C-alpha atoms as a PDB file:
ATOM      1  CA  UNK A   1     -36.837 -42.629  -4.747  1.00  0.00           C
ATOM      2  CA  UNK A   2     -36.118 -41.762  -1.323  1.00  0.00           C
ATOM      3  CA  UNK A   3     -32.505 -41.478  -1.826  1.00  0.00           C
ATOM      4  CA  UNK A   4     -33.068 -38.904  -4.979  1.00  0.00           C
ATOM      5  CA  UNK A   5     -35.705 -36.958  -2.670  1.00  0.00           C
ATOM      6  CA  UNK A   6     -33.286 -36.938   0.344  1.00  0.00           C
ATOM      7  CA  UNK A   7     -30.540 -35.440  -2.256  1.00  0.00           C
ATOM      8  CA  UNK A   8     -32.868 -32.857  -3.814  1.00  0.00           C
ATOM      9  CA  UNK A   9     -33.938 -31.431  -0.362  1.00  0.00           C
ATOM     10  CA  UNK A  10     -29.986 -31.399   0.625  1.00  0.00           C
ATOM     11  CA  UNK A  11     -29.221 -29.541  -2.801  1.00  0.00           C
ATOM     12  CA  UNK A  12     -32.134 -27.098  -2.226  1.00  0.00           C
ATOM     13  CA  UNK A  13     -31.231 -26.543   1.869  1.00  0.00           C
ATOM     14  CA  UNK A  14     -27.675 -26.166   0.146  1.00  0.00           C
ATOM     15  CA  UNK A  15     -28.563 -23.389  -2.228  1.00  0.00           C
ATOM     16  CA  UNK A  16     -30.856 -21.689   0.162  1.00  0.00           C
ATOM     17  CA  UNK A  17     -27.660 -21.919   2.789  1.00  0.00           C
ATOM     18  CA  UNK A  18     -25.838 -20.130   0.278  1.00  0.00           C
ATOM     19  CA  UNK A  19     -27.976 -17.647  -1.014  1.00  0.00           C
ATOM     20  CA  UNK A  20     -29.130 -15.814   1.929  1.00  0.00           C
ATOM     21  CA  UNK A  21     -28.924 -12.091   1.906  1.00  0.00           C
ATOM     22  CA  UNK A  22     -26.246 -12.727   4.858  1.00  0.00           C
ATOM     23  CA  UNK A  23     -24.026 -14.610   2.773  1.00  0.00           C
ATOM     24  CA  UNK A  24     -24.192 -12.773  -0.215  1.00  0.00           C
ATOM     25  CA  UNK A  25     -23.934  -8.886   1.198  1.00  0.00           C
ATOM     26  CA  UNK A  26     -20.696  -7.681   2.118  1.00  0.00           C
ATOM     27  CA  UNK A  27     -20.421  -6.609   6.008  1.00  0.00           C
ATOM     28  CA  UNK A  28     -20.341  -3.386   7.146  1.00  0.00           C
ATOM     29  CA  UNK A  29     -16.870  -1.990   7.170  1.00  0.00           C
ATOM     30  CA  UNK A  30     -15.720  -3.864   4.948  1.00  0.00           C
ATOM     31  CA  UNK A  31     -13.671  -2.506   1.798  1.00  0.00           C
ATOM     32  CA  UNK A  32     -15.853  -2.500  -1.701  1.00  0.00           C
ATOM     33  CA  UNK A  33     -13.744  -4.113  -4.126  1.00  0.00           C
ATOM     34  CA  UNK A  34     -12.591  -2.136  -6.763  1.00  0.00           C
ATOM     35  CA  UNK A  35     -13.517  -2.580 -10.828  1.00  0.00           C
ATOM     36  CA  UNK A  36     -13.156  -1.175 -13.949  1.00  0.00           C
ATOM     37  CA  UNK A  37     -15.846  -1.420 -16.064  1.00  0.00           C
ATOM     38  CA  UNK A  38     -16.972  -0.148 -19.108  1.00  0.00           C
ATOM     39  CA  UNK A  39     -20.019   2.302 -19.730  1.00  0.00           C
ATOM     40  CA  UNK A  40     -22.931   2.642 -22.302  1.00  0.00           C
ATOM     41  CA  UNK A  41     -20.282   4.759 -24.362  1.00  0.00           C
ATOM     42  CA  UNK A  42     -17.348   2.025 -24.109  1.00  0.00           C
ATOM     43  CA  UNK A  43     -15.335   4.029 -21.401  1.00  0.00           C
ATOM     44  CA  UNK A  44     -14.092   2.649 -18.701  1.00  0.00           C
ATOM     45  CA  UNK A  45     -15.071   3.689 -15.227  1.00  0.00           C
ATOM     46  CA  UNK A  46     -13.123   2.613 -12.000  1.00  0.00           C
ATOM     47  CA  UNK A  47     -14.783   2.792  -8.410  1.00  0.00           C
ATOM     48  CA  UNK A  48     -11.411   3.967  -7.536  1.00  0.00           C
ATOM     49  CA  UNK A  49     -11.307   6.533  -9.797  1.00  0.00           C
ATOM     50  CA  UNK A  50     -15.031   8.240  -8.404  1.00  0.00           C
ATOM     51  CA  UNK A  51     -14.513  11.188  -6.576  1.00  0.00           C
ATOM     52  CA  UNK A  52     -17.040  11.522  -4.063  1.00  0.00           C
ATOM     53  CA  UNK A  53     -17.454  11.153  -0.220  1.00  0.00           C
ATOM     54  CA  UNK A  54     -20.336   9.408  -1.029  1.00  0.00           C
ATOM     55  CA  UNK A  55     -21.337   6.461  -3.569  1.00  0.00           C
ATOM     56  CA  UNK A  56     -24.341   4.273  -4.145  1.00  0.00           C
ATOM     57  CA  UNK A  57     -23.670   1.255  -6.037  1.00  0.00           C
ATOM     58  CA  UNK A  58     -26.857  -0.644  -7.486  1.00  0.00           C
ATOM     59  CA  UNK A  59     -26.547  -3.716  -9.124  1.00  0.00           C
ATOM     60  CA  UNK A  60     -29.336  -5.871 -11.409  1.00  0.00           C
ATOM     61  CA  UNK A  61     -30.481  -6.458 -14.394  1.00  0.00           C
ATOM     62  CA  UNK A  62     -33.046  -4.934 -16.852  1.00  0.00           C
ATOM     63  CA  UNK A  63     -35.882  -7.859 -16.796  1.00  0.00           C
ATOM     64  CA  UNK A  64     -35.895  -8.337 -12.750  1.00  0.00           C
ATOM     65  CA  UNK A  65     -39.170  -7.206 -11.183  1.00  0.00           C
ATOM     66  CA  UNK A  66     -37.221  -6.107  -8.115  1.00  0.00           C
ATOM     67  CA  UNK A  67     -34.515  -4.077 -10.278  1.00  0.00           C
ATOM     68  CA  UNK A  68     -37.229  -2.325 -12.015  1.00  0.00           C
ATOM     69  CA  UNK A  69     -38.714  -1.216  -8.655  1.00  0.00           C
ATOM     70  CA  UNK A  70     -35.535  -0.127  -7.693  1.00  0.00           C
ATOM     71  CA  UNK A  71     -35.220   1.930 -10.528  1.00  0.00           C
ATOM     72  CA  UNK A  72     -38.372   3.469  -9.674  1.00  0.00           C
ATOM     73  CA  UNK A  73     -37.092   4.394  -5.973  1.00  0.00           C
ATOM     74  CA  UNK A  74     -34.037   5.744  -7.517  1.00  0.00           C
ATOM     75  CA  UNK A  75     -36.127   7.944  -9.839  1.00  0.00           C
ATOM     76  CA  UNK A  76     -38.255   9.542  -6.719  1.00  0.00           C
ATOM     77  CA  UNK A  77     -35.361  10.791  -5.089  1.00  0.00           C
ATOM     78  CA  UNK A  78     -33.499  12.054  -8.081  1.00  0.00           C
ATOM     79  CA  UNK A  79     -33.577  15.719  -6.861  1.00  0.00           C
ATOM     80  CA  UNK A  80     -31.703  14.188  -3.483  1.00  0.00           C
ATOM     81  CA  UNK A  81     -28.666  13.049  -5.598  1.00  0.00           C
ATOM     82  CA  UNK A  82     -28.279  15.877  -7.551  1.00  0.00           C
ATOM     83  CA  UNK A  83     -28.552  18.308  -4.508  1.00  0.00           C
ATOM     84  CA  UNK A  84     -25.712  16.788  -2.929  1.00  0.00           C
ATOM     85  CA  UNK A  85     -23.392  15.707  -5.935  1.00  0.00           C
ATOM     86  CA  UNK A  86     -23.993  11.712  -4.886  1.00  0.00           C
ATOM     87  CA  UNK A  87     -22.925   9.388  -7.798  1.00  0.00           C
ATOM     88  CA  UNK A  88     -25.116   6.504  -8.446  1.00  0.00           C
ATOM     89  CA  UNK A  89     -23.691   3.811 -10.314  1.00  0.00           C
ATOM     90  CA  UNK A  90     -25.926   0.902 -11.544  1.00  0.00           C
ATOM     91  CA  UNK A  91     -24.068  -1.705 -12.603  1.00  0.00           C
ATOM     92  CA  UNK A  92     -26.342  -3.967 -15.220  1.00  0.00           C
ATOM     93  CA  UNK A  93     -25.323  -8.082 -15.286  1.00  0.00           C
ATOM     94  CA  UNK A  94     -25.170 -10.062 -18.326  1.00  0.00           C
ATOM     95  CA  UNK A  95     -26.723  -6.974 -20.226  1.00  0.00           C
ATOM     96  CA  UNK A  96     -25.872  -5.286 -23.603  1.00  0.00           C
ATOM     97  CA  UNK A  97     -25.678  -1.612 -24.067  1.00  0.00           C
ATOM     98  CA  UNK A  98     -28.489  -1.799 -26.744  1.00  0.00           C
ATOM     99  CA  UNK A  99     -30.723  -3.586 -23.877  1.00  0.00           C
ATOM    100  CA  UNK A 100     -29.601  -1.241 -21.045  1.00  0.00           C
ATOM    101  CA  UNK A 101     -30.091   1.976 -23.256  1.00  0.00           C
ATOM    102  CA  UNK A 102     -33.781   1.015 -24.234  1.00  0.00           C
ATOM    103  CA  UNK A 103     -34.122   0.332 -20.756  1.00  0.00           C
ATOM    104  CA  UNK A 104     -33.340   3.681 -19.538  1.00  0.00           C
ATOM    105  CA  UNK A 105     -35.044   5.530 -22.250  1.00  0.00           C
ATOM    106  CA  UNK A 106     -37.523   8.059 -20.514  1.00  0.00           C
ATOM    107  CA  UNK A 107     -36.247   7.499 -17.033  1.00  0.00           C
ATOM    108  CA  UNK A 108     -35.984  10.683 -14.991  1.00  0.00           C
ATOM    109  CA  UNK A 109     -32.202   9.739 -13.565  1.00  0.00           C
ATOM    110  CA  UNK A 110     -30.134  12.008 -11.632  1.00  0.00           C
ATOM    111  CA  UNK A 111     -27.121  13.733 -13.549  1.00  0.00           C
ATOM    112  CA  UNK A 112     -24.904  11.639 -11.484  1.00  0.00           C
ATOM    113  CA  UNK A 113     -26.083   8.587 -12.514  1.00  0.00           C
ATOM    114  CA  UNK A 114     -23.993   6.563 -14.544  1.00  0.00           C
ATOM    115  CA  UNK A 115     -24.665   2.767 -16.186  1.00  0.00           C
ATOM    116  CA  UNK A 116     -21.980   0.051 -16.275  1.00  0.00           C
ATOM    117  CA  UNK A 117     -21.788  -3.208 -18.069  1.00  0.00           C
ATOM    118  CA  UNK A 118     -20.430  -5.995 -15.718  1.00  0.00           C
ATOM    119  CA  UNK A 119     -18.009  -8.287 -17.196  1.00  0.00           C
ATOM    120  CA  UNK A 120     -18.333 -10.718 -14.202  1.00  0.00           C
ATOM    121  CA  UNK A 121     -15.872  -9.342 -11.833  1.00  0.00           C
ATOM    122  CA  UNK A 122     -18.669  -7.364  -9.781  1.00  0.00           C
ATOM    123  CA  UNK A 123     -21.022 -10.401  -9.847  1.00  0.00           C
ATOM    124  CA  UNK A 124     -18.221 -12.685  -8.386  1.00  0.00           C
ATOM    125  CA  UNK A 125     -16.571  -9.984  -5.879  1.00  0.00           C
ATOM    126  CA  UNK A 126     -19.493  -8.585  -4.668  1.00  0.00           C
ATOM    127  CA  UNK A 127     -21.229 -12.198  -4.384  1.00  0.00           C
ATOM    128  CA  UNK A 128     -24.611 -11.081  -6.496  1.00  0.00           C
ATOM    129  CA  UNK A 129     -26.956 -13.840  -6.556  1.00  0.00           C
ATOM    130  CA  UNK A 130     -30.260 -12.237  -5.106  1.00  0.00           C
ATOM    131  CA  UNK A 131     -30.781  -8.969  -6.951  1.00  0.00           C
ATOM    132  CA  UNK A 132     -31.285  -6.038  -6.600  1.00  0.00           C
ATOM    133  CA  UNK A 133     -28.341  -5.053  -4.556  1.00  0.00           C
ATOM    134  CA  UNK A 134     -27.991  -1.496  -3.060  1.00  0.00           C
ATOM    135  CA  UNK A 135     -24.475  -0.541  -1.269  1.00  0.00           C
ATOM    136  CA  UNK A 136     -23.806   2.790   0.227  1.00  0.00           C
ATOM    137  CA  UNK A 137     -20.223   3.627   0.339  1.00  0.00           C
ATOM    138  CA  UNK A 138     -18.161   6.179   2.464  1.00  0.00           C
ATOM    139  CA  UNK A 139     -15.719   8.163   1.031  1.00  0.00           C
ATOM    140  CA  UNK A 140     -12.922   5.143   2.009  1.00  0.00           C
ATOM    141  CA  UNK A 141     -15.371   3.186  -0.052  1.00  0.00           C
ATOM    142  CA  UNK A 142     -16.159   1.303   2.830  1.00  0.00           C
ATOM    143  CA  UNK A 143     -19.736  -0.289   2.848  1.00  0.00           C
ATOM    144  CA  UNK A 144     -21.891   1.484   5.315  1.00  0.00           C
ATOM    145  CA  UNK A 145     -25.265  -0.564   3.883  1.00  0.00           C
ATOM    146  CA  UNK A 146     -25.521  -3.345   1.658  1.00  0.00           C
ATOM    147  CA  UNK A 147     -29.023  -4.531   0.979  1.00  0.00           C
ATOM    148  CA  UNK A 148     -31.375  -6.224  -1.516  1.00  0.00           C
ATOM    149  CA  UNK A 149     -33.087  -3.431  -2.571  1.00  0.00           C
ATOM    150  CA  UNK A 150     -34.046  -0.087  -0.134  1.00  0.00           C
ATOM    151  CA  UNK A 151     -37.121   2.535  -0.973  1.00  0.00           C
ATOM    152  CA  UNK A 152     -36.255   6.255  -1.437  1.00  0.00           C
ATOM    153  CA  UNK A 153     -37.252   7.379   2.353  1.00  0.00           C
ATOM    154  CA  UNK A 154     -34.293   4.755   3.365  1.00  0.00           C
ATOM    155  CA  UNK A 155     -31.779   5.366   1.249  1.00  0.00           C
ATOM    156  CA  UNK A 156     -31.923   8.858   1.734  1.00  0.00           C
ATOM    157  CA  UNK A 157     -31.939   8.536   5.496  1.00  0.00           C
ATOM    158  CA  UNK A 158     -28.977   6.526   5.477  1.00  0.00           C
ATOM    159  CA  UNK A 159     -27.066   9.162   2.857  1.00  0.00           C
ATOM    160  CA  UNK A 160     -28.029  11.687   5.155  1.00  0.00           C
ATOM    161  CA  UNK A 161     -26.858  10.027   8.275  1.00  0.00           C
ATOM    162  CA  UNK A 162     -23.463   9.662   6.179  1.00  0.00           C
ATOM    163  CA  UNK A 163     -23.366  13.406   4.860  1.00  0.00           C
ATOM    164  CA  UNK A 164     -23.898  14.912   8.581  1.00  0.00           C
ATOM    165  CA  UNK A 165     -20.602  13.320   9.638  1.00  0.00           C
ATOM    166  CA  UNK A 166     -18.474  14.396   6.722  1.00  0.00           C
ATOM    167  CA  UNK A 167     -16.217  17.150   8.244  1.00  0.00           C
ATOM    168  CA  UNK A 168     -17.154  20.271   6.993  1.00  0.00           C
ATOM    169  CA  UNK A 169     -14.433  22.111   4.755  1.00  0.00           C
ATOM    170  CA  UNK A 170     -11.947  24.339   5.948  1.00  0.00           C
ATOM    171  CA  UNK A 171     -11.885  27.721   5.762  1.00  0.00           C
ATOM    172  CA  UNK A 172      -9.005  29.248   4.657  1.00  0.00           C
ATOM    173  CA  UNK A 173      -7.880  32.896   6.049  1.00  0.00           C
ATOM    174  CA  UNK A 174      -5.152  34.511   3.933  1.00  0.00           C
END
């Protein structure tokens, strides 16, 4: 009996150690792994083809309470995303297009929002264990922040700081 209990405690410690946020999150400055996934219409979207100085990745599911809360935060700052033309790529793990469409119906999301269906590559390459994950990427697709959820105010602060660091467009005089 004691041996079984010891094995159970060791197993729990192993799982706790390897699912902590520090182990699962990508370090700041790391290049975000590229992916090519299908959107809800079956078209492919690659991270490397997204043209924007800033990108927000959200990784989660339709059934996760934290993911639902994160979606509400995205809705709250919809106008900020639209005004700054910031792509919001929401990657759904182990979900069908039908389920995601039903989940998104009636939500007030920015026109820069794209829903993608993970085929396992994001789950593996981004080490997704706890969800939701919210990543802010710069123009070189380096991770600026990788969090287990962010409220709207925190997310807009991080994004605004990143936008403020972008060089001003060059003026052209002929």
